N, C-alpha and C. Protein backbone atom coordinates (compact mmCIF):
# COMPACT_ATOMS: atom_id res chain seq x y z
N UNK A 1 -3.48 10.99 -22.52
CA UNK A 1 -2.82 10.64 -21.49
C UNK A 1 -1.24 9.75 -21.98
N UNK A 2 -0.07 9.76 -21.52
CA UNK A 2 0.45 8.63 -21.85
C UNK A 2 0.07 7.64 -21.34
N UNK A 3 0.99 6.14 -22.20
CA UNK A 3 0.92 4.95 -21.10
C UNK A 3 1.80 4.87 -20.24
N UNK A 4 0.99 3.95 -19.26
CA UNK A 4 1.85 3.79 -17.82
C UNK A 4 3.23 2.64 -18.36
N UNK A 5 3.97 3.21 -17.68
CA UNK A 5 5.31 2.47 -18.03
C UNK A 5 5.13 1.07 -17.38
N UNK A 6 6.13 0.43 -17.30
CA UNK A 6 5.84 -1.36 -16.60
C UNK A 6 6.15 -0.99 -15.08
N UNK A 7 7.26 0.12 -14.39
CA UNK A 7 6.95 0.21 -13.13
C UNK A 7 5.77 0.58 -12.67
N UNK A 8 5.09 1.21 -13.06
CA UNK A 8 4.05 2.58 -12.91
C UNK A 8 2.79 1.41 -12.52
N UNK A 9 3.15 0.19 -14.00
CA UNK A 9 1.68 -0.58 -13.96
C UNK A 9 1.73 -1.62 -12.64
N UNK A 10 3.33 -1.94 -12.32
CA UNK A 10 3.53 -2.69 -11.03
C UNK A 10 3.04 -1.80 -10.00
N UNK A 11 2.99 -0.79 -9.93
CA UNK A 11 2.55 0.10 -8.38
C UNK A 11 1.12 -0.11 -8.20
N UNK A 12 0.26 0.39 -9.87
CA UNK A 12 -0.62 0.29 -9.65
C UNK A 12 -1.73 -1.02 -9.11
N UNK A 13 -0.88 -1.87 -9.75
CA UNK A 13 -1.33 -3.69 -9.51
C UNK A 13 -1.29 -3.75 -7.72
N UNK A 14 -0.49 -3.43 -7.41
CA UNK A 14 0.12 -3.71 -6.05
C UNK A 14 -0.96 -2.88 -4.97
N UNK A 15 -1.27 -1.65 -5.34
CA UNK A 15 -1.79 -0.97 -4.72
C UNK A 15 -3.67 -1.58 -5.06
N UNK A 16 -3.94 -2.06 -6.47
CA UNK A 16 -5.18 -2.96 -6.28
C UNK A 16 -4.93 -3.87 -5.30
N UNK A 17 -4.00 -4.53 -5.45
CA UNK A 17 -3.86 -5.69 -4.79
C UNK A 17 -3.95 -5.22 -3.32
N UNK A 18 -3.68 -4.54 -2.71
CA UNK A 18 -3.90 -4.04 -1.08
C UNK A 18 -5.22 -3.69 -1.10
N UNK A 19 -6.18 -2.76 -1.78
CA UNK A 19 -7.28 -2.69 -2.08
C UNK A 19 -8.29 -3.72 -1.73
N UNK A 20 -8.33 -4.21 -2.49
CA UNK A 20 -8.49 -5.92 -2.41
C UNK A 20 -8.86 -6.65 -0.47
N UNK A 21 -7.31 -6.49 -0.65
CA UNK A 21 -6.97 -6.81 0.76
C UNK A 21 -7.60 -6.04 2.00
N UNK A 22 -7.85 -5.14 1.30
CA UNK A 22 -8.87 -4.51 2.59
C UNK A 22 -10.21 -4.98 2.73
N UNK A 23 -10.83 -5.57 1.15
CA UNK A 23 -12.03 -6.00 2.00
C UNK A 23 -12.57 -7.43 2.50
N UNK A 24 -11.27 -7.90 2.10
CA UNK A 24 -11.31 -9.26 3.22
C UNK A 24 -11.39 -8.96 4.52
N UNK A 25 -11.26 -8.76 5.04
CA UNK A 25 -10.99 -7.89 6.44
C UNK A 25 -12.32 -7.24 7.28
N UNK A 26 -12.16 -7.65 8.35
CA UNK A 26 -13.88 -7.41 9.16
C UNK A 26 -14.06 -5.85 8.59
N UNK A 27 -15.56 -6.01 8.60
CA UNK A 27 -16.17 -4.29 8.28
C UNK A 27 -15.47 -3.39 9.31
N UNK A 28 -15.68 -3.87 10.59
CA UNK A 28 -15.57 -2.80 11.56
C UNK A 28 -13.78 -2.16 11.51
N UNK A 29 -12.86 -3.05 10.39
CA UNK A 29 -11.29 -2.75 10.68
C UNK A 29 -11.25 -2.09 9.31
N UNK A 30 -12.05 -2.55 7.92
CA UNK A 30 -11.90 -1.90 7.11
C UNK A 30 -11.49 -0.47 7.29
N UNK A 31 -12.12 0.55 7.94
CA UNK A 31 -11.70 2.10 7.54
C UNK A 31 -10.01 2.03 8.15
N UNK A 32 -9.66 1.46 9.16
CA UNK A 32 -8.58 1.39 9.27
C UNK A 32 -7.44 0.80 8.79
N UNK A 33 -7.76 -0.44 7.76
CA UNK A 33 -6.74 -1.00 6.83
C UNK A 33 -6.62 0.38 5.73
N UNK A 34 -7.83 0.53 5.37
CA UNK A 34 -7.90 1.32 3.77
C UNK A 34 -7.05 2.43 4.12
N UNK A 35 -7.42 3.23 5.10
CA UNK A 35 -6.39 4.44 6.19
C UNK A 35 -5.04 4.00 5.86
N UNK A 36 -4.51 3.02 5.98
CA UNK A 36 -3.16 2.33 6.20
C UNK A 36 -2.47 2.48 5.27
N UNK A 37 -3.57 1.83 4.08
CA UNK A 37 -3.35 1.34 2.88
C UNK A 37 -2.83 2.64 2.20
N UNK A 38 -4.24 4.01 2.10
CA UNK A 38 -3.16 4.97 1.30
C UNK A 38 -2.22 5.79 2.21
N UNK A 39 -2.20 5.74 3.14
CA UNK A 39 -1.32 6.59 3.52
C UNK A 39 -0.07 5.81 3.44
N UNK A 40 0.31 5.09 3.57
CA UNK A 40 1.77 3.63 3.23
C UNK A 40 1.86 4.01 1.87
N UNK A 41 1.32 3.77 0.84
CA UNK A 41 1.32 4.31 -0.37
C UNK A 41 1.78 6.02 -0.41
N UNK A 42 0.86 7.01 -0.27
CA UNK A 42 1.47 8.13 -0.10
C UNK A 42 3.00 8.67 0.55
N UNK A 43 2.91 8.00 1.69
CA UNK A 43 4.39 8.59 2.23
C UNK A 43 5.45 8.06 1.40
N UNK A 44 5.06 6.51 1.00
CA UNK A 44 6.22 6.31 0.18
C UNK A 44 6.37 7.05 -1.63
N UNK A 45 5.37 7.14 -1.86
CA UNK A 45 5.56 7.92 -2.94
C UNK A 45 6.45 9.28 -2.96
N UNK A 46 5.73 10.10 -1.97
CA UNK A 46 6.44 11.69 -2.00
C UNK A 46 7.96 11.16 -1.45
N UNK A 47 8.51 9.76 -1.14
CA UNK A 47 9.74 9.76 0.05
C UNK A 47 10.72 10.07 -1.42
N UNK A 48 10.51 9.47 -2.63
CA UNK A 48 11.41 9.08 -3.39
C UNK A 48 11.10 9.67 -4.42
N UNK A 49 12.05 9.96 -5.28
CA UNK A 49 11.97 10.43 -6.53
C UNK A 49 11.45 9.30 -8.14
N UNK A 50 10.78 9.85 -8.62
CA UNK A 50 10.20 8.85 -9.98
C UNK A 50 11.56 8.54 -10.43
N UNK A 51 12.37 9.13 -10.42
CA UNK A 51 13.50 8.48 -11.67
C UNK A 51 14.32 7.67 -10.85
N UNK A 52 14.51 7.53 -9.49
CA UNK A 52 15.14 6.45 -8.86
C UNK A 52 14.49 5.47 -9.07
N UNK A 53 14.82 4.33 -9.85
CA UNK A 53 14.03 3.27 -10.28
C UNK A 53 14.44 2.21 -9.51
N UNK A 54 15.57 1.55 -9.01
CA UNK A 54 16.38 0.95 -7.97
C UNK A 54 15.37 1.38 -6.65
N UNK A 55 15.11 2.68 -6.30
CA UNK A 55 14.71 2.87 -4.89
C UNK A 55 13.32 2.64 -5.01
N UNK A 56 12.15 2.76 -6.55
CA UNK A 56 11.19 2.23 -6.59
C UNK A 56 10.79 0.63 -6.45
N UNK A 57 11.87 0.15 -6.76
CA UNK A 57 11.73 -1.25 -6.90
C UNK A 57 11.60 -2.00 -5.61
N UNK A 58 12.78 -1.72 -5.00
CA UNK A 58 12.50 -2.00 -4.00
C UNK A 58 11.75 -1.73 -2.71
N UNK A 59 11.38 -0.57 -2.98
CA UNK A 59 9.73 -0.37 -2.56
C UNK A 59 8.87 -1.39 -2.95
N UNK A 60 8.70 -1.60 -4.10
CA UNK A 60 7.65 -2.47 -4.32
C UNK A 60 8.04 -3.92 -3.81
N UNK A 61 9.36 -4.43 -3.73
CA UNK A 61 9.46 -5.48 -3.13
C UNK A 61 9.06 -5.33 -1.78
N UNK A 62 9.33 -4.50 -0.71
CA UNK A 62 9.06 -4.79 0.44
C UNK A 62 7.68 -4.17 0.98
N UNK A 63 7.06 -3.57 0.11
CA UNK A 63 5.27 -3.17 0.10
C UNK A 63 4.42 -4.54 -0.79
N UNK A 64 5.49 -5.16 -1.46
CA UNK A 64 4.87 -6.46 -1.50
C UNK A 64 4.58 -7.45 -0.62
N UNK A 65 5.86 -7.34 0.11
CA UNK A 65 6.00 -8.76 1.42
C UNK A 65 4.81 -8.10 2.77
N UNK A 66 5.08 -6.84 2.75
CA UNK A 66 3.73 -6.51 3.72
C UNK A 66 2.50 -6.74 3.35
N UNK A 67 2.08 -6.44 2.55
CA UNK A 67 0.42 -6.82 1.66
C UNK A 67 0.49 -8.48 2.07
N UNK A 68 1.65 -9.05 1.56
CA UNK A 68 1.78 -10.87 1.52
C UNK A 68 0.93 -10.89 3.20
N UNK A 69 2.01 -10.08 4.14
CA UNK A 69 1.47 -10.71 5.59
C UNK A 69 0.41 -9.87 6.21
N UNK A 70 -0.15 -8.87 5.72
CA UNK A 70 -2.07 -8.49 5.79
C UNK A 70 -2.83 -9.23 5.28
N UNK A 71 -2.45 -9.95 3.94
CA UNK A 71 -3.54 -10.62 3.50
C UNK A 71 -3.67 -12.13 4.39
N UNK A 72 -2.97 -12.50 5.62
CA UNK A 72 -3.20 -13.21 5.95
C UNK A 72 -4.79 -13.19 7.09
N UNK A 73 -5.37 -14.52 6.83
CA UNK A 73 -6.76 -14.06 7.65
C UNK A 73 -6.65 -14.42 9.13
N UNK A 74 -5.89 -14.58 9.53
CA UNK A 74 -5.26 -14.67 10.94
C UNK A 74 -5.10 -12.87 11.11
N UNK A 75 -4.80 -12.11 10.54
CA UNK A 75 -4.74 -10.77 11.06
C UNK A 75 -5.96 -9.88 10.34
N UNK A 76 -6.59 -9.41 11.88
CA UNK A 76 -7.69 -8.58 11.75
C UNK A 76 -8.09 -7.55 12.16
N UNK A 77 -6.63 -6.99 12.57
CA UNK A 77 -7.17 -5.50 12.40
C UNK A 77 -5.40 -5.06 12.77
N UNK A 78 -5.20 -3.68 12.38
CA UNK A 78 -3.55 -2.84 12.20
C UNK A 78 -4.04 -1.56 12.94
N UNK A 79 -2.56 -0.67 13.14
CA UNK A 79 -2.35 -0.03 13.91
C UNK A 79 -2.40 1.53 13.76
N UNK A 80 -3.13 2.04 14.18
CA UNK A 80 -3.40 3.63 13.36
C UNK A 80 -2.26 4.77 13.74
N UNK A 81 -1.74 4.77 13.36
CA UNK A 81 -0.54 6.09 14.56
C UNK A 81 -1.57 7.50 14.15
N UNK A 82 -1.10 8.28 15.06
CA UNK A 82 -1.83 10.08 15.12
C UNK A 82 -1.57 10.60 13.62
N UNK A 83 -0.57 9.91 13.24
CA UNK A 83 0.09 10.76 12.26
C UNK A 83 -0.74 10.88 11.06
N UNK A 84 -1.58 8.93 10.74
CA UNK A 84 -1.93 8.86 10.25
C UNK A 84 -3.92 9.38 10.49
N UNK A 85 -3.88 9.56 11.16
CA UNK A 85 -5.00 9.95 11.67
C UNK A 85 -5.28 11.42 11.07
N UNK A 86 -4.25 11.95 11.52
CA UNK A 86 -3.72 13.61 11.29
C UNK A 86 -3.95 13.62 9.60
N UNK A 87 -3.10 12.75 9.12
CA UNK A 87 -3.17 13.28 7.75
C UNK A 87 -4.64 13.15 6.81
């Protein structure tokens, strides 16, 4: 197995941060937050080519800001769309 690049490490670190954020939410909403995180990372990963570094960096910045927003303790729930449920 090859060593992950710096960009791959950033993506994995952000994903781990998002999963840690899920554990800080109330137990009855953790499943929704977990589905939300997994779905958003899956959709964004499939939407961009691995060779488009600038697009990946943009998604990293946007996702980082979004996770910072959801890390706020006053946010206790999130909306799960039908697409996310069907996925």
